[in-house]
C-alpha atoms as a PDB file:
ATOM      1  CA  MET A   1      27.040  36.593 -41.832  1.00  0.00           C
ATOM      2  CA  ASP A   2      28.925  33.487 -41.669  1.00  0.00           C
ATOM      3  CA  ASP A   3      32.315  34.294 -40.060  1.00  0.00           C
ATOM      4  CA  ARG A   4      33.999  32.030 -42.589  1.00  0.00           C
ATOM      5  CA  LEU A   5      32.822  34.385 -45.421  1.00  0.00           C
ATOM      6  CA  GLN A   6      34.338  37.541 -43.789  1.00  0.00           C
ATOM      7  CA  PRO A   7      37.975  37.035 -45.002  1.00  0.00           C
ATOM      8  CA  ALA A   8      36.772  36.453 -48.542  1.00  0.00           C
ATOM      9  CA  TYR A   9      34.840  39.777 -48.457  1.00  0.00           C
ATOM     10  CA  ALA A  10      37.761  41.527 -46.779  1.00  0.00           C
ATOM     11  CA  ASN A  11      40.052  40.251 -49.514  1.00  0.00           C
ATOM     12  CA  ALA A  12      37.580  41.344 -52.320  1.00  0.00           C
ATOM     13  CA  ALA A  13      37.279  44.735 -50.846  1.00  0.00           C
ATOM     14  CA  GLY A  14      41.027  45.078 -50.479  1.00  0.00           C
ATOM     15  CA  SER A  15      41.589  44.060 -54.010  1.00  0.00           C
ATOM     16  CA  SER A  16      39.047  46.529 -55.255  1.00  0.00           C
ATOM     17  CA  ALA A  17      40.526  49.363 -53.395  1.00  0.00           C
ATOM     18  CA  LEU A  18      43.953  48.375 -54.754  1.00  0.00           C
ATOM     19  CA  VAL A  19      42.784  48.422 -58.385  1.00  0.00           C
ATOM     20  CA  GLY A  20      40.950  51.750 -57.724  1.00  0.00           C
ATOM     21  CA  GLU A  21      44.208  53.138 -56.461  1.00  0.00           C
ATOM     22  CA  ARG A  22      46.271  52.026 -59.576  1.00  0.00           C
ATOM     23  CA  ASN A  23      43.577  53.498 -61.819  1.00  0.00           C
ATOM     24  CA  ARG A  24      43.675  56.831 -59.949  1.00  0.00           C
ATOM     25  CA  VAL A  25      47.484  56.993 -60.241  1.00  0.00           C
ATOM     26  CA  LEU A  26      47.316  56.177 -63.841  1.00  0.00           C
ATOM     27  CA  ARG A  27      44.499  58.703 -64.648  1.00  0.00           C
ATOM     28  CA  ASN A  28      46.402  61.540 -62.853  1.00  0.00           C
ATOM     29  CA  THR A  29      49.415  60.635 -64.748  1.00  0.00           C
ATOM     30  CA  TYR A  30      47.774  60.964 -67.975  1.00  0.00           C
ATOM     31  CA  TRP A  31      46.112  64.147 -66.916  1.00  0.00           C
ATOM     32  CA  LEU A  32      49.371  65.707 -65.707  1.00  0.00           C
ATOM     33  CA  LEU A  33      51.242  64.465 -68.847  1.00  0.00           C
ATOM     34  CA  ALA A  34      48.665  66.248 -71.143  1.00  0.00           C
ATOM     35  CA  LEU A  35      48.815  69.353 -69.013  1.00  0.00           C
ATOM     36  CA  SER A  36      52.658  69.267 -69.042  1.00  0.00           C
ATOM     37  CA  MET A  37      52.543  69.792 -72.920  1.00  0.00           C
ATOM     38  CA  VAL A  38      51.080  73.302 -72.515  1.00  0.00           C
ATOM     39  CA  PRO A  39      54.099  74.703 -70.917  1.00  0.00           C
ATOM     40  CA  THR A  40      56.239  72.816 -73.224  1.00  0.00           C
ATOM     41  CA  VAL A  41      54.760  74.520 -76.283  1.00  0.00           C
ATOM     42  CA  MET A  42      54.818  77.953 -74.408  1.00  0.00           C
ATOM     43  CA  GLY A  43      58.433  77.457 -73.574  1.00  0.00           C
ATOM     44  CA  ALA A  44      59.306  76.548 -77.303  1.00  0.00           C
ATOM     45  CA  TRP A  45      57.287  79.628 -78.564  1.00  0.00           C
ATOM     46  CA  ALA A  46      58.914  81.990 -76.027  1.00  0.00           C
ATOM     47  CA  GLY A  47      62.412  80.587 -76.892  1.00  0.00           C
ATOM     48  CA  MET A  48      61.885  81.474 -80.603  1.00  0.00           C
ATOM     49  CA  ALA A  49      59.842  84.716 -80.106  1.00  0.00           C
ATOM     50  CA  LEU A  50      62.410  86.213 -77.689  1.00  0.00           C
ATOM     51  CA  GLY A  51      65.509  85.027 -79.596  1.00  0.00           C
ATOM     52  CA  ILE A  52      66.608  82.814 -76.507  1.00  0.00           C
ATOM     53  CA  ASN A  53      67.631  80.156 -79.051  1.00  0.00           C
ATOM     54  CA  GLN A  54      69.880  82.650 -80.629  1.00  0.00           C
ATOM     55  CA  ILE A  55      71.480  83.756 -77.392  1.00  0.00           C
ATOM     56  CA  LEU A  56      72.357  80.284 -76.305  1.00  0.00           C
ATOM     57  CA  THR A  57      75.212  79.127 -78.336  1.00  0.00           C
ATOM     58  CA  PRO A  58      75.642  75.338 -78.569  1.00  0.00           C
ATOM     59  CA  GLY A  59      78.282  75.165 -75.835  1.00  0.00           C
ATOM     60  CA  ILE A  60      76.288  77.429 -73.454  1.00  0.00           C
ATOM     61  CA  GLY A  61      73.028  75.716 -74.335  1.00  0.00           C
ATOM     62  CA  LEU A  62      74.537  72.204 -73.640  1.00  0.00           C
ATOM     63  CA  VAL A  63      75.741  73.398 -70.022  1.00  0.00           C
ATOM     64  CA  VAL A  64      72.450  75.195 -69.351  1.00  0.00           C
ATOM     65  CA  PHE A  65      70.377  72.039 -70.404  1.00  0.00           C
ATOM     66  CA  LEU A  66      72.482  69.653 -68.349  1.00  0.00           C
ATOM     67  CA  VAL A  67      72.494  71.878 -65.266  1.00  0.00           C
ATOM     68  CA  GLY A  68      68.943  72.835 -65.415  1.00  0.00           C
ATOM     69  CA  ALA A  69      67.425  69.591 -66.342  1.00  0.00           C
ATOM     70  CA  PHE A  70      69.202  67.617 -63.565  1.00  0.00           C
ATOM     71  CA  GLY A  71      68.486  70.453 -61.183  1.00  0.00           C
ATOM     72  CA  PHE A  72      64.797  70.387 -62.015  1.00  0.00           C
ATOM     73  CA  MET A  73      64.497  66.597 -61.825  1.00  0.00           C
ATOM     74  CA  PHE A  74      66.134  66.554 -58.358  1.00  0.00           C
ATOM     75  CA  ALA A  75      63.733  69.226 -57.147  1.00  0.00           C
ATOM     76  CA  ILE A  76      60.717  67.341 -58.489  1.00  0.00           C
ATOM     77  CA  GLU A  77      61.635  64.102 -56.868  1.00  0.00           C
ATOM     78  CA  LYS A  78      62.342  65.869 -53.541  1.00  0.00           C
ATOM     79  CA  ASN A  79      58.984  67.500 -53.724  1.00  0.00           C
ATOM     80  CA  LYS A  80      56.842  64.740 -55.197  1.00  0.00           C
ATOM     81  CA  ASN A  81      54.847  64.315 -52.091  1.00  0.00           C
ATOM     82  CA  SER A  82      54.130  67.831 -51.612  1.00  0.00           C
ATOM     83  CA  ALA A  83      52.011  70.589 -53.179  1.00  0.00           C
ATOM     84  CA  ALA A  84      55.006  72.032 -54.807  1.00  0.00           C
ATOM     85  CA  GLY A  85      55.605  69.056 -56.889  1.00  0.00           C
ATOM     86  CA  VAL A  86      53.275  69.796 -59.750  1.00  0.00           C
ATOM     87  CA  PRO A  87      54.196  73.392 -60.207  1.00  0.00           C
ATOM     88  CA  ILE A  88      57.962  72.564 -60.364  1.00  0.00           C
ATOM     89  CA  LEU A  89      57.115  69.781 -62.834  1.00  0.00           C
ATOM     90  CA  LEU A  90      55.338  72.278 -65.091  1.00  0.00           C
ATOM     91  CA  ALA A  91      58.131  74.748 -64.649  1.00  0.00           C
ATOM     92  CA  PHE A  92      60.577  71.979 -65.819  1.00  0.00           C
ATOM     93  CA  THR A  93      58.566  71.260 -68.868  1.00  0.00           C
ATOM     94  CA  PHE A  94      58.571  75.017 -69.743  1.00  0.00           C
ATOM     95  CA  PHE A  95      62.313  74.888 -69.344  1.00  0.00           C
ATOM     96  CA  MET A  96      62.486  71.950 -71.676  1.00  0.00           C
ATOM     97  CA  GLY A  97      60.376  73.726 -74.276  1.00  0.00           C
ATOM     98  CA  VAL A  98      62.703  76.614 -74.289  1.00  0.00           C
ATOM     99  CA  MET A  99      65.624  74.233 -74.690  1.00  0.00           C
ATOM    100  CA  LEU A 100      63.907  72.621 -77.647  1.00  0.00           C
ATOM    101  CA  SER A 101      63.337  76.015 -79.324  1.00  0.00           C
ATOM    102  CA  ARG A 102      66.759  75.945 -80.978  1.00  0.00           C
ATOM    103  CA  MET A 103      66.112  72.809 -82.830  1.00  0.00           C
ATOM    104  CA  LEU A 104      62.692  73.960 -83.862  1.00  0.00           C
ATOM    105  CA  ALA A 105      63.948  77.097 -85.219  1.00  0.00           C
ATOM    106  CA  VAL A 106      66.430  75.228 -87.361  1.00  0.00           C
ATOM    107  CA  VAL A 107      63.749  72.873 -88.681  1.00  0.00           C
ATOM    108  CA  MET A 108      61.327  75.799 -89.212  1.00  0.00           C
ATOM    109  CA  GLY A 109      63.931  77.486 -91.329  1.00  0.00           C
ATOM    110  CA  MET A 110      63.554  74.821 -93.857  1.00  0.00           C
ATOM    111  CA  GLY A 111      61.099  74.957 -96.719  1.00  0.00           C
ATOM    112  CA  ASN A 112      59.037  72.114 -95.322  1.00  0.00           C
ATOM    113  CA  GLY A 113      59.817  72.806 -91.651  1.00  0.00           C
ATOM    114  CA  ALA A 114      56.293  72.886 -90.394  1.00  0.00           C
ATOM    115  CA  SER A 115      55.324  69.627 -91.984  1.00  0.00           C
ATOM    116  CA  LEU A 116      58.449  68.050 -90.527  1.00  0.00           C
ATOM    117  CA  ILE A 117      57.502  69.074 -87.045  1.00  0.00           C
ATOM    118  CA  MET A 118      53.994  67.674 -87.532  1.00  0.00           C
ATOM    119  CA  MET A 119      55.343  64.564 -88.737  1.00  0.00           C
ATOM    120  CA  ALA A 120      57.690  64.268 -85.665  1.00  0.00           C
ATOM    121  CA  PHE A 121      54.636  65.104 -83.510  1.00  0.00           C
ATOM    122  CA  ALA A 122      52.438  62.543 -85.164  1.00  0.00           C
ATOM    123  CA  GLY A 123      55.185  59.786 -84.979  1.00  0.00           C
ATOM    124  CA  THR A 124      55.669  60.547 -81.281  1.00  0.00           C
ATOM    125  CA  GLY A 125      52.011  60.206 -80.604  1.00  0.00           C
ATOM    126  CA  ALA A 126      51.837  57.076 -82.461  1.00  0.00           C
ATOM    127  CA  ILE A 127      54.647  55.539 -80.548  1.00  0.00           C
ATOM    128  CA  PHE A 128      53.027  56.584 -77.184  1.00  0.00           C
ATOM    129  CA  LEU A 129      49.587  55.217 -77.926  1.00  0.00           C
ATOM    130  CA  GLY A 130      51.411  51.947 -79.035  1.00  0.00           C
ATOM    131  CA  MET A 131      53.421  51.614 -75.917  1.00  0.00           C
ATOM    132  CA  ALA A 132      50.387  52.553 -73.789  1.00  0.00           C
ATOM    133  CA  THR A 133      48.369  49.725 -75.335  1.00  0.00           C
ATOM    134  CA  LEU A 134      51.221  47.384 -75.018  1.00  0.00           C
ATOM    135  CA  SER A 135      51.346  48.146 -71.182  1.00  0.00           C
ATOM    136  CA  THR A 136      47.774  46.828 -70.868  1.00  0.00           C
ATOM    137  CA  ILE A 137      48.852  43.527 -72.631  1.00  0.00           C
ATOM    138  CA  VAL A 138      52.440  42.597 -71.592  1.00  0.00           C
ATOM    139  CA  LYS A 139      52.265  40.612 -68.580  1.00  0.00           C
ATOM    140  CA  ARG A 140      56.049  39.561 -68.135  1.00  0.00           C
ATOM    141  CA  ASP A 141      58.282  41.447 -65.720  1.00  0.00           C
ATOM    142  CA  LEU A 142      60.310  43.997 -67.518  1.00  0.00           C
ATOM    143  CA  SER A 143      62.635  44.836 -64.651  1.00  0.00           C
ATOM    144  CA  ASN A 144      65.689  43.050 -65.878  1.00  0.00           C
ATOM    145  CA  MET A 145      65.333  44.566 -69.366  1.00  0.00           C
ATOM    146  CA  ALA A 146      65.053  47.817 -67.877  1.00  0.00           C
ATOM    147  CA  LYS A 147      68.464  47.636 -66.341  1.00  0.00           C
ATOM    148  CA  PHE A 148      70.062  47.027 -69.636  1.00  0.00           C
ATOM    149  CA  MET A 149      68.019  49.879 -71.203  1.00  0.00           C
ATOM    150  CA  PHE A 150      69.169  52.246 -68.403  1.00  0.00           C
ATOM    151  CA  ILE A 151      72.766  51.534 -69.222  1.00  0.00           C
ATOM    152  CA  GLY A 152      72.045  51.934 -72.798  1.00  0.00           C
ATOM    153  CA  ALA A 153      70.462  55.360 -71.999  1.00  0.00           C
ATOM    154  CA  ILE A 154      73.662  56.411 -70.179  1.00  0.00           C
ATOM    155  CA  LEU A 155      75.832  55.328 -72.935  1.00  0.00           C
ATOM    156  CA  VAL A 156      73.757  57.154 -75.572  1.00  0.00           C
ATOM    157  CA  LEU A 157      73.843  60.344 -73.282  1.00  0.00           C
ATOM    158  CA  VAL A 158      77.589  60.097 -73.073  1.00  0.00           C
ATOM    159  CA  ALA A 159      77.843  59.495 -76.875  1.00  0.00           C
ATOM    160  CA  GLY A 160      75.582  62.426 -77.707  1.00  0.00           C
ATOM    161  CA  ILE A 161      77.696  64.785 -75.474  1.00  0.00           C
ATOM    162  CA  ALA A 162      80.877  63.342 -77.262  1.00  0.00           C
ATOM    163  CA  ASN A 163      79.130  63.921 -80.715  1.00  0.00           C
ATOM    164  CA  PHE A 164      78.600  67.620 -79.613  1.00  0.00           C
ATOM    165  CA  PHE A 165      82.369  67.928 -80.199  1.00  0.00           C
ATOM    166  CA  ILE A 166      82.878  65.285 -83.044  1.00  0.00           C
ATOM    167  CA  GLN A 167      79.916  66.575 -85.027  1.00  0.00           C
ATOM    168  CA  SER A 168      79.379  63.181 -86.929  1.00  0.00           C
ATOM    169  CA  GLY A 169      76.168  63.016 -88.860  1.00  0.00           C
ATOM    170  CA  ALA A 170      76.206  59.183 -89.008  1.00  0.00           C
ATOM    171  CA  LEU A 171      76.607  58.930 -85.261  1.00  0.00           C
ATOM    172  CA  MET A 172      73.806  61.532 -84.836  1.00  0.00           C
ATOM    173  CA  ILE A 173      71.538  59.397 -86.894  1.00  0.00           C
ATOM    174  CA  THR A 174      72.514  56.094 -85.085  1.00  0.00           C
ATOM    175  CA  LEU A 175      72.023  57.774 -81.656  1.00  0.00           C
ATOM    176  CA  ALA A 176      68.677  59.181 -82.717  1.00  0.00           C
ATOM    177  CA  VAL A 177      67.396  55.610 -83.705  1.00  0.00           C
ATOM    178  CA  LEU A 178      68.811  54.056 -80.460  1.00  0.00           C
ATOM    179  CA  ILE A 179      67.011  56.951 -78.562  1.00  0.00           C
ATOM    180  CA  ILE A 180      63.738  56.169 -80.063  1.00  0.00           C
ATOM    181  CA  GLY A 181      64.061  52.519 -79.457  1.00  0.00           C
ATOM    182  CA  ILE A 182      65.226  52.861 -75.886  1.00  0.00           C
ATOM    183  CA  PHE A 183      62.767  55.483 -74.768  1.00  0.00           C
ATOM    184  CA  SER A 184      59.830  53.793 -76.522  1.00  0.00           C
ATOM    185  CA  PHE A 185      60.654  51.013 -74.154  1.00  0.00           C
ATOM    186  CA  PHE A 186      60.714  53.176 -71.194  1.00  0.00           C
ATOM    187  CA  ILE A 187      57.130  54.455 -71.896  1.00  0.00           C
ATOM    188  CA  LEU A 188      55.984  50.861 -71.806  1.00  0.00           C
ATOM    189  CA  TYR A 189      57.931  50.117 -68.584  1.00  0.00           C
ATOM    190  CA  ASP A 190      56.828  53.211 -66.762  1.00  0.00           C
ATOM    191  CA  LEU A 191      53.130  52.866 -67.692  1.00  0.00           C
ATOM    192  CA  LYS A 192      53.303  49.135 -66.813  1.00  0.00           C
ATOM    193  CA  ARG A 193      54.891  49.805 -63.422  1.00  0.00           C
ATOM    194  CA  VAL A 194      51.851  52.201 -62.612  1.00  0.00           C
ATOM    195  CA  ARG A 195      49.194  49.557 -63.720  1.00  0.00           C
ATOM    196  CA  ASP A 196      51.078  46.919 -61.697  1.00  0.00           C
ATOM    197  CA  GLY A 197      51.061  49.101 -58.684  1.00  0.00           C
ATOM    198  CA  GLU A 198      54.770  49.311 -58.537  1.00  0.00           C
ATOM    199  CA  GLU A 199      54.739  53.332 -58.952  1.00  0.00           C
ATOM    200  CA  THR A 200      52.274  54.884 -56.719  1.00  0.00           C
ATOM    201  CA  ASN A 201      53.389  58.603 -57.334  1.00  0.00           C
ATOM    202  CA  TYR A 202      51.836  60.157 -60.293  1.00  0.00           C
ATOM    203  CA  ILE A 203      54.275  62.981 -60.395  1.00  0.00           C
ATOM    204  CA  THR A 204      57.199  60.612 -60.715  1.00  0.00           C
ATOM    205  CA  ALA A 205      55.365  58.522 -63.217  1.00  0.00           C
ATOM    206  CA  THR A 206      54.588  61.696 -65.293  1.00  0.00           C
ATOM    207  CA  LEU A 207      58.294  62.837 -65.127  1.00  0.00           C
ATOM    208  CA  GLY A 208      59.423  59.409 -66.478  1.00  0.00           C
ATOM    209  CA  VAL A 209      56.972  59.370 -69.356  1.00  0.00           C
ATOM    210  CA  TYR A 210      57.415  62.918 -70.188  1.00  0.00           C
ATOM    211  CA  LEU A 211      61.196  62.498 -70.532  1.00  0.00           C
ATOM    212  CA  SER A 212      60.708  59.533 -72.819  1.00  0.00           C
ATOM    213  CA  ILE A 213      58.171  61.491 -75.097  1.00  0.00           C
ATOM    214  CA  TYR A 214      60.472  64.531 -75.246  1.00  0.00           C
ATOM    215  CA  ASN A 215      63.453  62.366 -76.261  1.00  0.00           C
ATOM    216  CA  ILE A 216      61.495  60.589 -78.945  1.00  0.00           C
ATOM    217  CA  PHE A 217      60.133  63.699 -80.273  1.00  0.00           C
ATOM    218  CA  GLN A 218      63.582  65.364 -80.437  1.00  0.00           C
ATOM    219  CA  SER A 219      65.047  62.277 -82.042  1.00  0.00           C
ATOM    220  CA  LEU A 220      62.318  62.012 -84.717  1.00  0.00           C
ATOM    221  CA  LEU A 221      62.740  65.778 -85.334  1.00  0.00           C
ATOM    222  CA  ALA A 222      66.387  65.290 -85.853  1.00  0.00           C
ATOM    223  CA  LEU A 223      66.002  62.456 -88.273  1.00  0.00           C
ATOM    224  CA  PHE A 224      63.243  64.232 -90.244  1.00  0.00           C
ATOM    225  CA  GLY A 225      65.355  67.367 -90.194  1.00  0.00           C
ATOM    226  CA  ILE A 226      68.316  65.590 -91.569  1.00  0.00           C
ATOM    227  CA  GLY A 227      66.099  64.042 -94.352  1.00  0.00           C
ATOM    228  CA  GLY A 228      64.511  67.273 -95.085  1.00  0.00           C
ATOM    229  CA  SER A 229      67.618  69.226 -95.378  1.00  0.00           C
ATOM    230  CA  SER A 230      69.151  66.581 -97.788  1.00  0.00           C
ATOM    231  CA  GLU A 231      66.171  66.972-100.140  1.00  0.00           C
END
């Protein structure tokens, strides 16, 4: 073999290995994301069946949610490179399902509650598929936009906590719409980072996409619930 061709072959092999690694991380992210929906559904069912959603008053529920969610996320990031990472992530999704049970119980109490939940589920799925498709098309760097979106997410979180005390229906609708927009972007951003090789840990990638899907579903459910209750 001509020695002059060796660098070209080496570069081609390296590029092929890099693409293969990116595809592996993306594939594992999708599989783990799909798996994470199982404990979420189980947690939501357990919350309603065992009456946990009734035991947790709005105030206690907010505290438990904030402490539990941030505690789990810290543990997941700390163990993302160990064998404990996946079980902790799945335990987190079960916890998130339990926390969702209160809203689900309220919506299920409506005459068309089941159809509203299915609409929220279908809407979330459509948004995810749309953003996943866009992640294969968009070529521009989204890092600068992500910084503004992150600030927006923090402001929405603070406003959401404030609205817990204010109880403004108009503010709730506004926040729900903003959350859908912000976290739709984050699905696109997180999946694009995996495709570009910027995120190499599928547990971290799954956590980010899962949180976005969860927030979008919850916001759609709130919007449909408000609309359904006014009929």
